[in-house]
Amino acid sequence: AGLPRTGTLSTRAALEQLVGPCYHGSTPMIERQDHIPLWMEALSEGRIDRVALKKALQGYRAGLDLPFSGW
């Protein structure tokens, strides 16, 4: 949910209070730079490795902004 620049950081804060960890567009850029290759490959291939995605998202309870709104 949530397109970039539409209050997704405040939405993330609320979701983390309600349901737990939330994957946001800032996550791979700031918190989990080891996820950048996953998303770069997905963009270049036009598809995503579901096994790698499941591993990367383990522990997150919600997601918004890019990359979610792009997929």
C-alpha atoms as a PDB file:
ATOM      1  CA  ALA A   1       0.000   0.000   0.000  1.00  0.00           C
ATOM      2  CA  GLY A   2       1.019   3.591  -0.375  1.00  0.00           C
ATOM      3  CA  LEU A   3       2.641   5.337  -3.286  1.00  0.00           C
ATOM      4  CA  PRO A   4       5.899   7.211  -2.681  1.00  0.00           C
ATOM      5  CA  ARG A   5       5.592  10.729  -1.242  1.00  0.00           C
ATOM      6  CA  THR A   6       2.109  10.115   0.212  1.00  0.00           C
ATOM      7  CA  GLY A   7       2.886   9.981   3.926  1.00  0.00           C
ATOM      8  CA  THR A   8       4.296   6.470   3.893  1.00  0.00           C
ATOM      9  CA  LEU A   9       6.823   7.128   6.674  1.00  0.00           C
ATOM     10  CA  SER A  10       4.068   8.164   9.073  1.00  0.00           C
ATOM     11  CA  THR A  11       1.977   5.220   7.874  1.00  0.00           C
ATOM     12  CA  ARG A  12       4.980   2.979   8.528  1.00  0.00           C
ATOM     13  CA  ALA A  13       5.258   4.327  12.074  1.00  0.00           C
ATOM     14  CA  ALA A  14       1.571   3.629  12.671  1.00  0.00           C
ATOM     15  CA  LEU A  15       1.738   0.126  11.196  1.00  0.00           C
ATOM     16  CA  GLU A  16       4.751  -0.710  13.338  1.00  0.00           C
ATOM     17  CA  GLN A  17       2.768   0.322  16.424  1.00  0.00           C
ATOM     18  CA  LEU A  18      -0.221  -1.764  15.329  1.00  0.00           C
ATOM     19  CA  VAL A  19       1.227  -4.910  13.735  1.00  0.00           C
ATOM     20  CA  GLY A  20       5.019  -4.897  13.999  1.00  0.00           C
ATOM     21  CA  PRO A  21       7.962  -4.402  11.619  1.00  0.00           C
ATOM     22  CA  CYS A  22       7.087  -2.748   8.307  1.00  0.00           C
ATOM     23  CA  TYR A  23       9.176  -2.933   5.126  1.00  0.00           C
ATOM     24  CA  HIS A  24       9.346   0.509   3.517  1.00  0.00           C
ATOM     25  CA  GLY A  25      11.186   1.959   0.524  1.00  0.00           C
ATOM     26  CA  SER A  26      13.821   3.252   2.895  1.00  0.00           C
ATOM     27  CA  THR A  27      14.487  -0.234   4.269  1.00  0.00           C
ATOM     28  CA  PRO A  28      16.882  -1.442   1.539  1.00  0.00           C
ATOM     29  CA  MET A  29      18.441   1.987   1.133  1.00  0.00           C
ATOM     30  CA  ILE A  30      19.199   2.638   4.796  1.00  0.00           C
ATOM     31  CA  GLU A  31      18.506  -0.325   7.065  1.00  0.00           C
ATOM     32  CA  ARG A  32      19.092  -3.382   4.859  1.00  0.00           C
ATOM     33  CA  GLN A  33      21.496  -2.504   2.079  1.00  0.00           C
ATOM     34  CA  ASP A  34      22.089  -6.229   1.619  1.00  0.00           C
ATOM     35  CA  HIS A  35      18.602  -6.289   0.015  1.00  0.00           C
ATOM     36  CA  ILE A  36      19.604  -3.932  -2.818  1.00  0.00           C
ATOM     37  CA  PRO A  37      20.831  -6.757  -5.114  1.00  0.00           C
ATOM     38  CA  LEU A  38      17.470  -8.544  -4.746  1.00  0.00           C
ATOM     39  CA  TRP A  39      15.549  -5.492  -5.927  1.00  0.00           C
ATOM     40  CA  MET A  40      18.067  -4.547  -8.639  1.00  0.00           C
ATOM     41  CA  GLU A  41      17.863  -8.058 -10.082  1.00  0.00           C
ATOM     42  CA  ALA A  42      14.071  -7.950  -9.944  1.00  0.00           C
ATOM     43  CA  LEU A  43      14.055  -4.680 -11.881  1.00  0.00           C
ATOM     44  CA  SER A  44      16.492  -5.893 -14.520  1.00  0.00           C
ATOM     45  CA  GLU A  45      14.821  -9.303 -14.938  1.00  0.00           C
ATOM     46  CA  GLY A  46      11.239  -8.084 -14.710  1.00  0.00           C
ATOM     47  CA  ARG A  47      10.486 -10.767 -12.139  1.00  0.00           C
ATOM     48  CA  ILE A  48      11.433 -11.539  -8.581  1.00  0.00           C
ATOM     49  CA  ASP A  49      12.983 -14.607  -7.032  1.00  0.00           C
ATOM     50  CA  ARG A  50      10.214 -15.710  -4.672  1.00  0.00           C
ATOM     51  CA  VAL A  51      12.535 -17.769  -2.477  1.00  0.00           C
ATOM     52  CA  ALA A  52      14.926 -14.846  -2.009  1.00  0.00           C
ATOM     53  CA  LEU A  53      12.001 -12.486  -1.447  1.00  0.00           C
ATOM     54  CA  LYS A  54      10.495 -14.728   1.222  1.00  0.00           C
ATOM     55  CA  LYS A  55      13.859 -14.833   2.989  1.00  0.00           C
ATOM     56  CA  ALA A  56      14.333 -11.040   2.751  1.00  0.00           C
ATOM     57  CA  LEU A  57      10.851 -10.309   4.102  1.00  0.00           C
ATOM     58  CA  GLN A  58      11.038 -12.766   6.977  1.00  0.00           C
ATOM     59  CA  GLY A  59      10.005 -11.019  10.175  1.00  0.00           C
ATOM     60  CA  TYR A  60       8.194  -8.117   8.502  1.00  0.00           C
ATOM     61  CA  ARG A  61       4.456  -7.882   9.122  1.00  0.00           C
ATOM     62  CA  ALA A  62       3.591  -5.134   6.621  1.00  0.00           C
ATOM     63  CA  GLY A  63       5.008  -3.385   3.581  1.00  0.00           C
ATOM     64  CA  LEU A  64       4.442  -0.112   1.776  1.00  0.00           C
ATOM     65  CA  ASP A  65       5.993   2.416  -0.588  1.00  0.00           C
ATOM     66  CA  LEU A  66       8.487   1.188  -3.138  1.00  0.00           C
ATOM     67  CA  PRO A  67       9.306  -1.542  -3.827  1.00  0.00           C
ATOM     68  CA  PHE A  68       5.850  -2.866  -2.911  1.00  0.00           C
ATOM     69  CA  SER A  69       3.843  -0.350  -4.874  1.00  0.00           C
ATOM     70  CA  GLY A  70       5.991  -1.143  -7.916  1.00  0.00           C
ATOM     71  CA  TRP A  71       5.213  -4.852  -7.833  1.00  0.00           C
END
